[in-house]
Amino acid sequence: MKPIALVTGASRGIGRSTALRLSADYDIVAVARTAPALAALKTEIESRGGACRTITLDLADHAAVDRALAGMQCDVLVNNAGVGPIKPMLELTPAEWHRIVDVNFSALFHVTRAVLPGMIERRRGHVIIVGSIAGRSAFVGGTAYAASKHAVAGFAECLMLEVRQHGVKVSTVNPGSVATAFSRNPDESWMLSPDEVADSIAHVIATPHDVLVHSVEIRALSPKK
């Protein structure tokens, strides 16, 4: 029986590429809001000889997350789900602000809290958090998005210090610009691909049991012209 990897935001972009990349070595639990996209992912993984269970879930609904994932047993958790928008603070609606905080940060607590007890009990497991270089920088339009990624970085480092003694790893993978629907950039030719980020995630997971790579930053080699 293969170990289990749970991937959030698995219906597209980095999450989808990560689920596909890991499916050769892990049975996948794919979580996202969009059922048809999850079904397509499941079909593709199974066509490659893998196994995939799908859970249709809005991670902003924290009570639903707690119900759906309570007691979930997995060996790897990839906290990937994230939302924008990126715009100046006075242009953000309260609804946009709260959704960014709910999905990018609060959901991180609820999803991790569901699976972490099992990892600690078994004294093994790996929590991967897909952050961003926005988690250590500032830019116009980042009052909500960048702030949420700064919070993610603090959460991840504190959690790493809490659980490493229990044999559980916590790693952050921080991409620069990635060619996904999230970027909304008319020229994506210079950006990282989701597959390249997924390869980095797989590399961090594949480290020896006594090695922890806590933080990785990935950028495109050639910046935007």
Protein backbone atom coordinates (compact mmCIF):
# COMPACT_ATOMS: atom_id res chain seq x y z
CA MET A 1 0.00 0.00 0.00
CA LYS A 2 1.31 3.43 -0.94
CA PRO A 3 1.57 6.27 1.56
CA ILE A 4 -1.08 9.00 1.32
CA ALA A 5 -0.59 12.61 0.22
CA LEU A 6 -3.36 15.16 0.77
CA VAL A 7 -3.18 18.18 -1.56
CA THR A 8 -5.36 21.27 -1.18
CA GLY A 9 -6.19 23.50 -4.11
CA ALA A 10 -5.66 20.41 -6.24
CA SER A 11 -8.00 21.24 -9.10
CA ARG A 12 -5.61 23.54 -10.99
CA GLY A 13 -2.23 25.20 -11.11
CA ILE A 14 0.47 24.18 -8.63
CA GLY A 15 -1.91 21.94 -6.69
CA ARG A 16 -2.92 19.93 -9.75
CA SER A 17 0.67 19.56 -10.93
CA THR A 18 1.72 18.48 -7.44
CA ALA A 19 -1.01 15.87 -7.19
CA LEU A 20 0.00 14.44 -10.56
CA ARG A 21 3.71 14.56 -9.69
CA LEU A 22 3.24 12.76 -6.36
CA SER A 23 0.74 10.19 -7.66
CA ALA A 24 3.50 7.83 -8.80
CA ASP A 25 4.57 7.32 -5.20
CA TYR A 26 1.50 8.29 -3.15
CA ASP A 27 -2.22 7.67 -3.11
CA ILE A 28 -3.69 11.14 -3.52
CA VAL A 29 -6.45 12.85 -1.55
CA ALA A 30 -7.32 15.88 -3.69
CA VAL A 31 -9.22 18.77 -2.11
CA ALA A 32 -10.72 21.74 -3.99
CA ARG A 33 -13.97 23.61 -4.55
CA THR A 34 -14.61 22.52 -8.14
CA ALA A 35 -15.99 19.00 -8.49
CA PRO A 36 -15.65 18.66 -12.31
CA ALA A 37 -11.99 19.69 -12.19
CA LEU A 38 -11.34 17.23 -9.36
CA ALA A 39 -13.04 14.50 -11.36
CA ALA A 40 -10.78 15.24 -14.33
CA LEU A 41 -7.72 15.07 -12.07
CA LYS A 42 -8.88 11.74 -10.64
CA THR A 43 -9.33 10.34 -14.15
CA GLU A 44 -5.85 11.43 -15.21
CA ILE A 45 -4.19 10.02 -12.10
CA GLU A 46 -6.00 6.71 -12.49
CA SER A 47 -5.05 6.56 -16.20
CA ARG A 48 -1.42 6.65 -15.02
CA GLY A 49 -2.00 3.73 -12.66
CA GLY A 50 -2.40 5.84 -9.52
CA ALA A 51 -5.18 6.23 -6.98
CA CYS A 52 -7.04 9.42 -6.15
CA ARG A 53 -9.83 10.25 -3.72
CA THR A 54 -11.50 13.63 -4.18
CA ILE A 55 -13.11 15.91 -1.58
CA THR A 56 -15.09 18.89 -2.81
CA LEU A 57 -14.65 21.54 -0.16
CA ASP A 58 -14.48 25.31 0.25
CA LEU A 59 -11.57 25.84 2.61
CA ALA A 60 -13.05 29.17 3.72
CA ASP A 61 -15.83 27.18 5.40
CA HIS A 62 -13.82 26.16 8.42
CA ALA A 63 -16.59 24.15 10.04
CA ALA A 64 -16.92 22.12 6.84
CA VAL A 65 -13.14 21.59 6.75
CA ASP A 66 -13.19 20.33 10.33
CA ARG A 67 -16.02 17.89 9.52
CA ALA A 68 -14.55 16.62 6.25
CA LEU A 69 -10.97 16.14 7.40
CA ALA A 70 -11.36 15.19 11.06
CA GLY A 71 -9.08 12.25 11.80
CA MET A 72 -7.69 12.18 8.27
CA GLN A 73 -4.63 9.94 8.08
CA CYS A 74 -1.95 11.04 5.63
CA ASP A 75 1.81 10.90 5.35
CA VAL A 76 2.21 14.14 3.40
CA LEU A 77 0.07 17.26 3.52
CA VAL A 78 0.54 19.88 0.81
CA ASN A 79 -1.16 23.09 1.92
CA ASN A 80 -1.36 24.77 -1.47
CA ALA A 81 -4.75 26.48 -1.74
CA GLY A 82 -4.61 30.26 -2.03
CA VAL A 83 -6.51 33.23 -3.43
CA GLY A 84 -5.99 36.91 -4.33
CA PRO A 85 -6.87 39.53 -5.38
CA ILE A 86 -3.88 41.82 -5.39
CA LYS A 87 -5.03 45.42 -5.21
CA PRO A 88 -4.53 48.54 -3.05
CA MET A 89 -6.05 48.35 0.41
CA LEU A 90 -8.74 50.96 -0.19
CA GLU A 91 -9.92 49.04 -3.26
CA LEU A 92 -10.35 45.79 -1.30
CA THR A 93 -13.85 44.98 -0.14
CA PRO A 94 -14.28 43.51 3.34
CA ALA A 95 -15.43 40.29 1.67
CA GLU A 96 -12.22 40.10 -0.38
CA TRP A 97 -10.08 40.78 2.68
CA HIS A 98 -11.77 38.08 4.77
CA ARG A 99 -11.65 35.50 1.97
CA ILE A 100 -7.89 36.01 1.55
CA VAL A 101 -7.36 35.60 5.29
CA ASP A 102 -9.78 32.66 5.51
CA VAL A 103 -8.26 30.67 2.63
CA ASN A 104 -4.60 31.67 2.69
CA PHE A 105 -4.10 31.62 6.44
CA SER A 106 -6.97 30.38 8.61
CA ALA A 107 -7.56 27.30 6.43
CA LEU A 108 -3.91 26.43 6.98
CA PHE A 109 -4.67 26.06 10.69
CA HIS A 110 -7.81 23.98 10.18
CA VAL A 111 -6.39 21.59 7.56
CA THR A 112 -3.11 21.05 9.39
CA ARG A 113 -4.89 20.63 12.73
CA ALA A 114 -6.94 17.79 11.22
CA VAL A 115 -4.00 15.66 10.10
CA LEU A 116 -1.19 16.60 12.47
CA PRO A 117 -2.27 14.44 15.46
CA GLY A 118 -1.96 11.28 13.36
CA MET A 119 1.50 12.29 12.15
CA ILE A 120 2.66 12.95 15.70
CA GLU A 121 1.21 9.66 16.90
CA ARG A 122 3.03 7.74 14.15
CA ARG A 123 6.17 9.89 14.58
CA ARG A 124 6.41 10.59 10.88
CA GLY A 125 4.87 12.92 8.35
CA HIS A 126 5.63 15.95 6.25
CA VAL A 127 3.66 19.19 6.12
CA ILE A 128 4.44 21.20 3.00
CA ILE A 129 3.22 24.78 2.85
CA VAL A 130 3.21 26.58 -0.49
CA GLY A 131 4.07 30.13 0.40
CA SER A 132 5.39 32.90 -1.81
CA ILE A 133 8.30 35.27 -2.09
CA ALA A 134 5.59 37.78 -1.14
CA GLY A 135 5.98 36.31 2.36
CA ARG A 136 9.22 38.24 2.87
CA SER A 137 8.68 41.30 0.69
CA ALA A 138 6.30 44.20 0.26
CA PHE A 139 4.69 45.66 -2.85
CA VAL A 140 1.84 47.94 -3.84
CA GLY A 141 -1.38 45.94 -3.77
CA GLY A 142 -0.11 43.41 -1.26
CA THR A 143 -1.79 44.62 1.92
CA ALA A 144 -3.94 41.50 2.07
CA TYR A 145 -2.14 38.91 -0.06
CA ALA A 146 1.43 39.63 1.07
CA ALA A 147 0.29 40.04 4.66
CA SER A 148 -1.32 36.59 4.52
CA LYS A 149 1.91 35.08 3.16
CA HIS A 150 3.96 36.77 5.88
CA ALA A 151 1.60 35.16 8.39
CA VAL A 152 2.03 31.80 6.67
CA ALA A 153 5.82 32.05 7.01
CA GLY A 154 5.54 32.75 10.74
CA PHE A 155 3.07 29.90 11.21
CA ALA A 156 5.33 27.47 9.35
CA GLU A 157 8.51 28.28 11.25
CA CYS A 158 6.83 28.10 14.65
CA LEU A 159 5.12 24.82 13.74
CA MET A 160 8.41 23.36 12.56
CA LEU A 161 9.96 24.09 15.96
CA GLU A 162 6.97 22.55 17.74
CA VAL A 163 6.79 19.23 15.90
CA ARG A 164 10.30 18.33 14.74
CA GLN A 165 10.92 16.51 18.03
CA HIS A 166 7.98 14.25 17.10
CA GLY A 167 9.53 13.19 13.80
CA VAL A 168 7.28 15.47 11.73
CA LYS A 169 8.77 17.77 9.10
CA VAL A 170 7.42 21.21 8.15
CA SER A 171 8.68 22.81 4.94
CA THR A 172 7.74 25.94 3.02
CA VAL A 173 8.15 26.19 -0.74
CA ASN A 174 8.11 29.82 -1.84
CA PRO A 175 7.74 30.42 -5.58
CA GLY A 176 8.15 33.65 -7.43
CA SER A 177 5.85 34.29 -10.38
CA VAL A 178 4.17 31.14 -11.69
CA ALA A 179 2.25 30.78 -14.96
CA THR A 180 -1.18 29.93 -13.58
CA ALA A 181 -4.64 31.50 -13.73
CA PHE A 182 -3.70 33.24 -10.48
CA SER A 183 -1.06 35.40 -12.18
CA ARG A 184 -3.46 37.22 -14.53
CA ASN A 185 -0.40 38.32 -16.51
CA PRO A 186 -0.70 38.61 -20.31
CA ASP A 187 2.92 37.47 -20.76
CA GLU A 188 3.69 34.28 -18.84
CA SER A 189 6.57 33.15 -21.04
CA TRP A 190 9.22 34.11 -18.47
CA MET A 191 7.48 32.62 -15.43
CA LEU A 192 7.95 29.34 -13.61
CA SER A 193 5.60 26.55 -14.67
CA PRO A 194 3.38 24.74 -12.14
CA ASP A 195 5.26 21.53 -12.99
CA GLU A 196 8.57 23.14 -12.00
CA VAL A 197 7.16 24.11 -8.62
CA ALA A 198 5.71 20.60 -8.21
CA ASP A 199 9.14 19.11 -8.92
CA SER A 200 10.61 21.25 -6.14
CA ILE A 201 7.90 20.12 -3.74
CA ALA A 202 8.59 16.49 -4.61
CA HIS A 203 12.33 17.06 -4.07
CA VAL A 204 11.75 18.50 -0.59
CA ILE A 205 9.52 15.55 0.32
CA ALA A 206 12.09 13.04 -0.94
CA THR A 207 14.86 14.13 1.44
CA PRO A 208 16.23 11.45 3.83
CA HIS A 209 14.25 10.87 7.00
CA ASP A 210 16.82 12.68 9.15
CA VAL A 211 17.09 15.73 6.86
CA LEU A 212 14.73 18.71 7.02
CA VAL A 213 14.67 21.35 4.29
CA HIS A 214 12.55 23.93 6.02
CA SER A 215 12.38 26.68 3.38
CA VAL A 216 12.99 26.80 -0.36
CA GLU A 217 12.67 29.85 -2.61
CA ILE A 218 12.20 29.28 -6.34
CA ARG A 219 12.42 31.95 -8.99
CA ALA A 220 12.46 32.06 -12.78
CA LEU A 221 16.02 32.46 -14.02
CA SER A 222 15.18 35.25 -16.46
CA PRO A 223 13.13 38.10 -14.96
CA LYS A 224 10.37 39.89 -16.78
CA LYS A 225 11.72 42.24 -19.46
